Protein backbone atom coordinates (compact mmCIF):
# COMPACT_ATOMS: atom_id res chain seq x y z
CA MET A 1 78.33 -45.89 86.19
CA ASN A 2 79.89 -42.72 87.64
CA ILE A 3 79.00 -39.38 86.41
CA LEU A 4 81.51 -36.54 85.84
CA TYR A 5 79.62 -33.33 85.07
CA ILE A 6 81.90 -30.66 83.73
CA HIS A 7 80.62 -27.04 83.56
CA THR A 8 81.64 -23.56 82.42
CA HIS A 9 79.93 -20.29 82.82
CA ASP A 10 79.04 -17.89 79.84
CA THR A 11 80.71 -19.84 76.94
CA GLY A 12 77.95 -20.69 74.66
CA ARG A 13 79.14 -22.75 71.75
CA TYR A 14 82.25 -20.47 71.03
CA ILE A 15 84.91 -23.07 71.37
CA GLN A 16 86.93 -25.19 69.04
CA PRO A 17 84.79 -28.20 68.87
CA TYR A 18 81.92 -26.05 67.27
CA GLY A 19 84.39 -24.76 64.67
CA PHE A 20 85.46 -21.14 66.13
CA PRO A 21 88.85 -19.80 66.38
CA VAL A 22 89.19 -20.65 70.02
CA PRO A 23 91.99 -23.15 70.82
CA THR A 24 90.37 -25.71 73.24
CA PRO A 25 92.21 -29.01 72.57
CA ARG A 26 91.20 -30.81 75.45
CA LEU A 27 87.32 -30.32 74.86
CA MET A 28 88.20 -31.10 71.18
CA SER A 29 89.49 -34.41 72.25
CA LEU A 30 86.59 -35.00 74.54
CA ALA A 31 84.30 -34.32 71.55
CA ARG A 32 86.10 -36.91 69.30
CA GLU A 33 85.56 -39.58 72.21
CA GLY A 34 81.96 -38.59 72.79
CA THR A 35 79.00 -37.03 71.08
CA LEU A 36 78.69 -33.23 70.11
CA PHE A 37 75.12 -32.00 70.09
CA ARG A 38 75.17 -29.28 67.79
CA GLN A 39 71.61 -28.08 68.33
CA ALA A 40 71.29 -27.94 72.10
CA TYR A 41 69.55 -25.10 73.83
CA THR A 42 69.30 -23.96 77.49
CA ALA A 43 65.85 -23.44 78.87
CA ALA A 44 67.01 -19.87 79.97
CA PRO A 45 69.98 -17.93 78.87
CA THR A 46 70.74 -16.72 82.53
CA CYS A 47 72.80 -18.35 84.92
CA SER A 48 70.82 -19.81 87.85
CA PRO A 49 67.84 -20.62 85.82
CA SER A 50 69.91 -22.38 83.19
CA ARG A 51 71.64 -24.68 85.78
CA ALA A 52 68.49 -25.36 87.73
CA SER A 53 66.62 -26.22 84.79
CA LEU A 54 69.18 -29.03 83.99
CA LEU A 55 69.50 -30.09 87.49
CA THR A 56 65.69 -30.60 88.06
CA GLY A 57 64.76 -31.39 84.63
CA THR A 58 61.86 -28.82 84.61
CA VAL A 59 61.79 -25.34 83.07
CA PRO A 60 62.81 -22.35 85.47
CA HIS A 61 59.28 -20.99 86.13
CA SER A 62 58.34 -24.58 87.15
CA CYS A 63 61.30 -25.26 89.38
CA GLY A 64 61.03 -21.67 90.78
CA MET A 65 64.40 -20.34 89.65
CA LEU A 66 63.22 -17.43 87.87
CA GLY A 67 66.46 -15.04 88.81
CA LEU A 68 69.85 -15.36 90.27
CA ALA A 69 70.39 -17.37 93.55
CA HIS A 70 72.91 -14.94 94.84
CA ARG A 71 70.23 -12.37 94.64
CA GLY A 72 67.53 -14.21 96.30
CA PHE A 73 65.92 -16.85 94.17
CA ARG A 74 65.45 -20.30 94.99
CA LEU A 75 64.07 -23.80 93.92
CA HIS A 76 60.69 -24.50 95.23
CA ASP A 77 61.80 -27.94 96.24
CA TYR A 78 65.22 -28.88 96.39
CA SER A 79 64.60 -32.52 96.83
CA GLN A 80 63.95 -32.54 93.01
CA HIS A 81 67.64 -31.69 92.41
CA LEU A 82 69.74 -34.41 90.74
CA VAL A 83 72.19 -34.41 93.58
CA GLN A 84 69.41 -35.36 96.01
CA TYR A 85 67.90 -37.93 93.86
CA LEU A 86 71.36 -39.78 93.49
CA ASN A 87 71.95 -39.48 97.09
CA ALA A 88 68.78 -41.65 97.34
CA GLN A 89 70.55 -44.11 94.71
CA ASP A 90 73.42 -44.37 97.02
CA TYR A 91 76.06 -42.00 94.98
CA GLU A 92 78.71 -40.32 96.58
CA THR A 93 77.70 -36.94 95.51
CA VAL A 94 80.60 -34.23 95.39
CA LEU A 95 80.76 -30.66 94.68
CA CYS A 96 83.95 -28.86 93.47
CA GLY A 97 83.83 -25.21 92.60
CA MET A 98 80.83 -23.45 90.94
CA HIS A 99 77.16 -24.54 91.21
CA HIS A 100 74.77 -21.39 91.41
CA GLU A 101 71.34 -23.09 92.35
CA SER A 102 71.27 -21.74 95.83
CA PRO A 103 72.80 -19.16 98.11
CA ASP A 104 73.43 -21.80 100.41
CA THR A 105 75.45 -24.89 99.32
CA ASP A 106 73.79 -27.09 102.15
CA ASP A 107 70.37 -26.77 100.27
CA ILE A 108 71.53 -28.83 97.52
CA GLY A 109 72.66 -31.59 99.59
CA TYR A 110 76.26 -32.68 98.31
CA ARG A 111 77.71 -35.27 100.50
CA THR A 112 80.99 -33.98 100.08
CA VAL A 113 82.21 -30.60 99.28
CA LEU A 114 85.85 -30.30 98.13
CA ALA A 115 85.58 -26.54 97.32
CA ASP A 116 82.60 -24.19 97.27
CA PHE A 117 83.20 -21.33 94.82
CA HIS A 118 80.17 -19.47 96.57
CA ASN A 119 81.73 -19.45 100.03
CA ASP A 120 81.90 -15.85 101.07
CA GLU A 121 85.19 -16.16 102.80
CA GLN A 122 86.88 -16.95 99.44
CA VAL A 123 88.81 -13.99 98.37
CA ARG A 124 91.27 -15.37 95.61
CA ASP A 125 91.09 -14.72 91.99
CA PRO A 126 88.15 -16.50 90.31
CA LEU A 127 90.43 -18.02 87.82
CA GLU A 128 92.94 -19.16 90.24
CA CYS A 129 90.05 -20.75 92.14
CA ASP A 130 89.43 -23.06 88.91
CA VAL A 131 93.00 -23.85 88.46
CA THR A 132 93.13 -25.08 92.34
CA ASN A 133 89.71 -26.72 92.15
CA ALA A 134 90.80 -28.59 88.95
CA GLY A 135 93.74 -30.09 91.30
CA LEU A 136 91.04 -30.89 94.10
CA ALA A 137 88.84 -32.58 91.70
CA ALA A 138 91.64 -34.60 90.19
CA SER A 139 92.85 -35.78 93.76
CA PHE A 140 89.43 -36.80 94.61
CA LEU A 141 89.22 -38.98 91.38
CA VAL A 142 92.57 -40.74 91.69
CA ASN A 143 92.27 -41.38 95.62
CA ARG A 144 88.80 -41.69 96.41
CA ASP A 145 87.03 -44.40 98.44
CA ARG A 146 85.27 -46.69 95.60
CA SER A 147 82.65 -48.17 98.00
CA ARG A 148 80.04 -46.30 95.96
CA PRO A 149 79.73 -44.46 92.41
CA PHE A 150 80.14 -40.97 92.39
CA PHE A 151 78.61 -37.87 90.97
CA LEU A 152 81.21 -35.23 90.53
CA SER A 153 80.18 -31.69 89.57
CA TYR A 154 83.43 -29.60 88.67
CA GLY A 155 82.09 -26.17 88.01
CA MET A 156 84.34 -23.50 86.59
CA HIS A 157 84.17 -19.51 86.93
CA ALA A 158 85.39 -19.31 83.55
CA THR A 159 84.34 -18.08 81.00
CA HIS A 160 82.37 -15.43 83.40
CA ARG A 161 83.68 -11.75 83.37
CA THR A 162 85.95 -10.45 84.58
CA PHE A 163 88.23 -12.15 82.03
CA PRO A 164 92.01 -12.26 82.30
CA SER A 165 93.98 -9.26 81.09
CA VAL A 166 96.18 -9.79 77.91
CA PRO A 167 99.15 -7.79 77.35
CA GLU A 168 98.74 -4.61 75.67
CA SER A 169 101.55 -5.77 73.49
CA THR A 170 99.43 -8.65 72.27
CA ASP A 171 98.34 -8.46 68.46
CA THR A 172 94.73 -8.59 68.30
CA ALA A 173 94.68 -7.58 64.55
CA PHE A 174 94.11 -11.36 63.91
CA VAL A 175 91.29 -11.95 66.34
CA HIS A 176 87.62 -11.71 65.08
CA PRO A 177 84.81 -10.83 67.53
CA PRO A 178 81.88 -13.51 67.48
CA PHE A 179 78.79 -12.87 65.74
CA PRO A 180 76.84 -10.38 66.21
CA ILE A 181 79.63 -8.09 67.53
CA PRO A 182 81.22 -5.27 65.46
CA ASP A 183 84.91 -5.52 64.55
CA THR A 184 86.60 -2.87 66.33
CA ARG A 185 89.87 -2.23 68.17
CA GLU A 186 87.82 -2.53 71.60
CA THR A 187 85.66 -5.73 70.55
CA ARG A 188 89.06 -7.47 69.28
CA ARG A 189 90.71 -6.98 72.69
CA ASP A 190 87.60 -7.96 74.53
CA THR A 191 87.48 -11.02 72.60
CA ALA A 192 91.19 -11.92 72.87
CA GLU A 193 90.51 -11.85 76.74
CA TYR A 194 87.68 -14.38 76.37
CA ILE A 195 89.81 -16.43 74.47
CA ALA A 196 92.41 -16.41 77.15
CA ALA A 197 89.71 -17.25 79.63
CA ALA A 198 88.66 -20.34 77.46
CA GLY A 199 92.10 -21.55 77.29
CA ILE A 200 92.44 -21.69 81.19
CA ALA A 201 89.13 -23.35 81.48
CA ASP A 202 90.29 -26.10 78.79
CA THR A 203 93.62 -26.45 80.50
CA CYS A 204 91.43 -27.26 83.92
CA ILE A 205 89.35 -29.57 82.19
CA GLY A 206 92.59 -31.46 80.92
CA VAL A 207 93.80 -31.87 84.43
CA VAL A 208 90.31 -33.37 85.53
CA LEU A 209 89.95 -35.54 82.48
CA ASP A 210 93.47 -36.87 83.01
CA ALA A 211 92.92 -37.75 86.53
CA LEU A 212 90.03 -39.71 85.62
CA ARG A 213 92.19 -41.69 83.16
CA ARG A 214 94.78 -42.50 85.77
CA SER A 215 91.92 -43.52 88.34
CA GLY A 216 91.29 -46.54 85.86
CA GLU A 217 87.55 -45.71 86.05
CA GLU A 218 87.18 -43.94 82.83
CA GLU A 219 85.46 -47.03 81.22
CA ASN A 220 82.76 -46.86 84.08
CA THR A 221 82.15 -43.12 83.87
CA ILE A 222 79.82 -40.84 82.10
CA VAL A 223 81.56 -37.61 81.25
CA LEU A 224 79.10 -34.62 80.61
CA PHE A 225 80.35 -31.27 79.29
CA VAL A 226 77.75 -28.43 79.01
CA THR A 227 77.75 -24.68 79.18
CA ASP A 228 74.90 -22.79 80.76
CA HIS A 229 74.12 -20.19 78.10
CA GLY A 230 75.53 -17.65 75.40
CA LEU A 231 78.64 -15.49 76.03
CA ALA A 232 78.52 -12.54 78.36
CA PHE A 233 78.34 -9.87 75.34
CA PRO A 234 75.71 -7.80 74.31
CA GLN A 235 73.10 -9.59 72.04
CA MET A 236 74.10 -12.90 73.54
CA LYS A 237 73.70 -13.93 77.17
CA CYS A 238 69.98 -12.78 78.66
CA THR A 239 68.75 -12.82 75.00
CA LEU A 240 66.47 -15.56 73.44
CA TYR A 241 68.42 -15.38 70.11
CA ASP A 242 70.30 -18.35 69.41
CA THR A 243 73.48 -16.58 70.41
CA GLY A 244 71.83 -16.57 73.92
CA ILE A 245 70.13 -19.78 74.51
CA GLY A 246 72.66 -21.89 72.17
CA VAL A 247 74.90 -24.06 74.38
CA SER A 248 77.91 -26.59 74.15
CA LEU A 249 76.85 -30.36 74.95
CA ILE A 250 79.27 -33.16 74.87
CA LEU A 251 78.48 -36.56 76.23
CA LYS A 252 80.79 -39.58 76.56
CA TYR A 253 79.84 -42.75 77.82
CA PRO A 254 80.91 -46.43 77.86
CA GLY A 255 79.29 -48.13 74.70
CA ASN A 256 78.15 -44.86 72.95
CA PRO A 257 77.08 -45.71 69.56
CA LYS A 258 77.33 -42.35 68.18
CA LYS A 259 80.91 -41.76 69.59
CA GLY A 260 83.04 -39.59 67.57
CA GLY A 261 80.04 -38.11 65.78
CA ALA A 262 77.78 -34.97 65.72
CA VAL A 263 73.89 -35.03 66.37
CA ASP A 264 71.70 -32.29 64.79
CA SER A 265 68.70 -33.37 66.88
CA LEU A 266 66.81 -30.38 68.93
CA VAL A 267 68.06 -30.77 72.65
CA SER A 268 67.00 -28.80 75.64
CA LEU A 269 69.12 -29.10 78.83
CA ILE A 270 66.15 -30.21 80.61
CA ASP A 271 66.69 -33.41 78.49
CA ILE A 272 69.94 -34.32 80.40
CA TYR A 273 68.58 -35.39 83.84
CA PRO A 274 66.34 -38.25 81.97
CA THR A 275 69.23 -39.31 79.80
CA LEU A 276 71.38 -39.79 82.93
CA ALA A 277 68.61 -41.61 84.80
CA ASP A 278 68.46 -44.17 81.74
CA LEU A 279 72.29 -44.38 81.26
CA ILE A 280 72.44 -45.41 85.15
CA SER A 281 69.28 -47.29 84.81
CA ILE A 282 67.31 -45.56 87.71
CA PRO A 283 63.52 -44.56 87.34
CA HIS A 284 62.50 -41.08 86.14
CA PRO A 285 61.24 -39.13 88.83
CA PRO A 286 57.54 -38.03 88.47
CA TRP A 287 58.54 -34.04 88.01
CA LEU A 288 60.50 -34.43 84.80
CA GLN A 289 59.76 -32.20 81.85
CA GLY A 290 62.53 -33.39 79.45
CA HIS A 291 62.86 -36.51 77.04
CA SER A 292 65.83 -39.04 77.31
CA LEU A 293 68.12 -38.56 74.32
CA LEU A 294 68.95 -42.31 74.35
CA PRO A 295 66.69 -43.17 71.46
CA VAL A 296 68.52 -40.45 69.37
CA LEU A 297 71.83 -41.95 70.43
CA ARG A 298 71.12 -45.37 69.67
CA GLY A 299 69.79 -44.55 66.19
CA GLU A 300 66.05 -45.35 66.86
CA VAL A 301 64.73 -41.96 66.20
CA SER A 302 65.87 -38.67 64.78
CA GLU A 303 64.28 -36.55 67.17
CA VAL A 304 62.89 -36.65 70.53
CA ARG A 305 61.11 -33.28 70.59
CA ASP A 306 59.59 -30.93 68.05
CA GLU A 307 60.41 -27.60 69.64
CA VAL A 308 62.46 -26.21 72.68
CA PHE A 309 61.12 -23.48 74.84
CA SER A 310 63.37 -20.83 76.57
CA GLU A 311 62.63 -18.01 78.95
CA ILE A 312 63.79 -14.98 80.75
CA THR A 313 61.97 -13.39 83.64
CA TYR A 314 64.71 -11.76 86.09
CA HIS A 315 68.52 -11.36 85.64
CA ALA A 316 69.80 -8.17 87.15
CA ALA A 317 66.56 -6.70 86.48
CA TYR A 318 63.02 -7.73 85.33
CA GLN A 319 63.05 -8.56 81.55
CA PRO A 320 60.37 -11.25 80.72
CA MET A 321 60.28 -13.09 77.74
CA ARG A 322 59.37 -16.21 76.35
CA SER A 323 60.43 -18.14 73.05
CA VAL A 324 59.69 -21.23 71.13
CA ARG A 325 62.23 -22.76 68.45
CA THR A 326 61.59 -25.38 66.04
CA LYS A 327 64.28 -26.89 63.49
CA ARG A 328 63.34 -24.00 61.12
CA TYR A 329 61.50 -21.14 63.10
CA LYS A 330 62.03 -19.00 66.26
CA PHE A 331 59.11 -17.11 67.80
CA ILE A 332 59.82 -14.61 70.73
CA ARG A 333 57.29 -13.08 72.92
CA ASN A 334 58.62 -9.72 74.68
CA PHE A 335 56.36 -9.07 77.91
CA GLY A 336 58.90 -6.59 79.01
CA PRO A 337 60.28 -3.06 77.84
CA SER A 338 60.64 -2.32 74.33
CA THR A 339 64.27 -1.31 74.43
CA PRO A 340 67.37 -3.11 75.83
CA VAL A 341 68.00 -3.45 79.74
CA ALA A 342 71.53 -2.28 80.29
CA ALA A 343 71.86 -3.88 83.66
CA ASN A 344 71.24 -7.19 82.13
CA ILE A 345 74.10 -6.94 79.83
CA ASP A 346 77.48 -7.68 81.77
CA ASP A 347 79.90 -4.72 81.85
CA GLY A 348 82.89 -4.79 79.60
CA LEU A 349 84.80 -3.14 76.53
CA THR A 350 82.24 -4.32 74.13
CA LYS A 351 79.47 -2.98 76.19
CA ASP A 352 80.98 0.30 76.46
CA PHE A 353 81.78 0.72 72.75
CA LEU A 354 78.14 -0.26 71.84
CA LEU A 355 76.41 2.10 74.57
CA GLU A 356 78.48 4.79 72.84
CA GLN A 357 76.86 4.09 69.48
CA GLY A 358 73.36 4.33 70.86
CA TYR A 359 72.80 0.54 71.62
CA LEU A 360 69.86 1.32 74.22
CA ASN A 361 67.98 3.16 71.29
CA GLN A 362 66.97 0.10 69.75
CA GLU A 363 63.61 -1.29 69.70
CA ILE A 364 62.79 -5.08 71.16
CA PRO A 365 59.46 -5.71 69.35
CA ALA A 366 56.49 -7.46 71.26
CA ARG A 367 56.62 -10.41 68.91
CA MET A 368 59.40 -11.80 66.78
CA LEU A 369 59.40 -14.57 64.11
CA PHE A 370 62.53 -15.60 62.34
CA ASP A 371 63.13 -18.20 59.47
CA LEU A 372 66.27 -20.06 60.78
CA ASP A 373 67.11 -21.68 57.48
CA LEU A 374 66.77 -18.53 55.10
CA ASP A 375 67.95 -16.12 58.15
CA PRO A 376 69.85 -18.09 60.49
CA THR A 377 71.15 -14.72 61.98
CA GLU A 378 67.72 -13.66 63.11
CA ARG A 379 67.77 -10.29 61.42
CA ILE A 380 64.46 -10.35 59.64
CA ASN A 381 61.35 -10.06 62.12
CA LEU A 382 58.71 -11.78 59.90
CA ALA A 383 56.17 -11.37 62.95
CA THR A 384 54.03 -9.16 60.85
CA SER A 385 54.46 -10.73 57.52
CA PRO A 386 51.08 -11.85 56.02
CA ALA A 387 52.68 -14.63 54.29
CA HIS A 388 53.96 -16.11 57.53
CA LYS A 389 50.66 -15.66 59.56
CA GLY A 390 50.04 -19.44 59.73
CA ILE A 391 53.60 -20.01 61.24
CA ARG A 392 53.29 -17.49 63.55
CA ASP A 393 49.78 -18.48 64.83
CA ASP A 394 51.03 -22.14 65.19
CA LEU A 395 54.08 -21.05 67.29
CA ASN A 396 52.21 -18.76 69.39
CA ALA A 397 49.64 -21.21 69.97
CA ARG A 398 52.26 -23.72 70.96
CA LEU A 399 54.00 -21.05 73.25
CA ASP A 400 50.66 -20.41 75.01
CA ARG A 401 49.99 -24.10 75.55
CA TRP A 402 53.36 -24.52 77.02
CA MET A 403 52.79 -21.67 79.46
CA ARG A 404 49.40 -22.97 80.53
CA GLU A 405 50.53 -26.52 80.80
CA THR A 406 53.54 -25.58 82.95
CA ASP A 407 51.62 -22.90 84.96
CA ASP A 408 53.81 -20.02 84.05
CA PRO A 409 53.34 -17.32 86.47
CA LEU A 410 53.58 -14.83 83.56
CA LEU A 411 50.29 -15.77 82.50
CA HIS A 412 49.00 -13.63 85.33
CA GLY A 413 50.90 -10.44 84.51
CA HIS A 414 53.88 -9.07 86.42
CA VAL A 415 56.01 -11.85 88.02
CA PRO A 416 57.04 -10.34 91.68
CA ALA A 417 60.32 -11.24 93.05
CA PRO A 418 60.68 -13.06 96.25
CA ALA A 419 60.88 -11.07 99.33
CA GLY A 420 64.45 -9.46 99.99
CA ALA A 421 65.64 -10.22 96.41
CA ARG A 422 67.93 -7.49 95.02
CA ILE A 423 66.46 -6.58 91.61
CA ASN A 424 68.02 -3.72 89.67
CA ALA A 425 65.98 -0.83 88.36
CA GLN A 426 65.50 -1.14 84.50
CA THR A 427 67.07 2.16 84.34
CA CYS A 428 70.38 1.06 85.70
CA ILE A 429 73.20 0.97 83.33
CA SER A 430 75.11 -1.52 85.32
CA ALA A 431 74.14 -4.46 87.63
CA ASP A 432 76.72 -3.00 89.83
CA GLU A 433 74.62 0.07 90.52
CA ALA A 434 72.71 -0.13 94.06
CA VAL A 435 69.65 0.97 92.57
CA TYR A 436 66.83 -1.41 93.43
CA GLU A 437 63.17 -2.04 92.62
């Protein structure tokens, strides 16, 4: 089967199919035609590490992508990338737009590049690029040479900041910021601008899906929609709370017995690679660390994993953290500073407001334990609760075992960045400050 991989930036689950007041009718339609995974989590709540983990089927510290590709981080071995593995299976691999797994697209190995968002010569508005690239992807789908099956990656800049401006006359009185953002005039406008970006992304997705239908290949194509991590707001992106690691995942494929339904099974983005391999009947390469989701989709089991692991090492600045999440509990270990790192929070109206209120004076404990059934908003830290000692010790042991089994470099202390990488000092307020470690 063909594979159409559609992905957005910084969207989390804040879209209509997950029940939020963000009109995305094309994604809503796709969810009804496919399966919506309600408990899908990224292996890392930052851009390049998240995407690299999905496309190698390994966690970031195993594949080498511990920070941002455009700031000097790379995979250990690009032959493990899904694109190169599909090339070996005689797929026509095609890029249109965003990727974020290398500063040099040639490393990845796409046979055809319709548009490369990371091309330094590209000076257009990023959202205009999304619209243009949707048209290029649509043209490819309708007019392509059908001698091979295709893997098409259509990646959008949306909903990454900077968001499109909404007119000052826009009535934001009825917009509610996403949890855990306070409800103020500034945050409502910021949210309204995010919603506008999500609408552009949804329109672009519709253009591509309509072209797939016109092509006559819809019934022989897997459609995968995924987001990389939480929204680019404080306490979301680049955090290990569910607002940071929770992602959207919609999978549509011919003969899907769970079509039109939702699945509550725990899922990690590293599970997508083995799932796609099973759907197109190719062997699992030996480096995969995830689990195929087909047994869940076929109703053979309710879960393929007991926990999901997530990590942060570098974003704009160094902020090492690790977490393990089960169905009920979340345990986070903070190996870095005990206060927020402002450079790792995207600039915007909400950040400005919270900084004025003293956001950077908050404490980030060394250990956090949350009961997600009784405390789904992760407000009550139970790490020092005597009644929860057994749970804390169990999850801490799981995290230690995972770090050892995957050879996490954080076990040996400070993790150095690659030579030449651009890493902001932890004292920077913005990632745009040219103050580097």
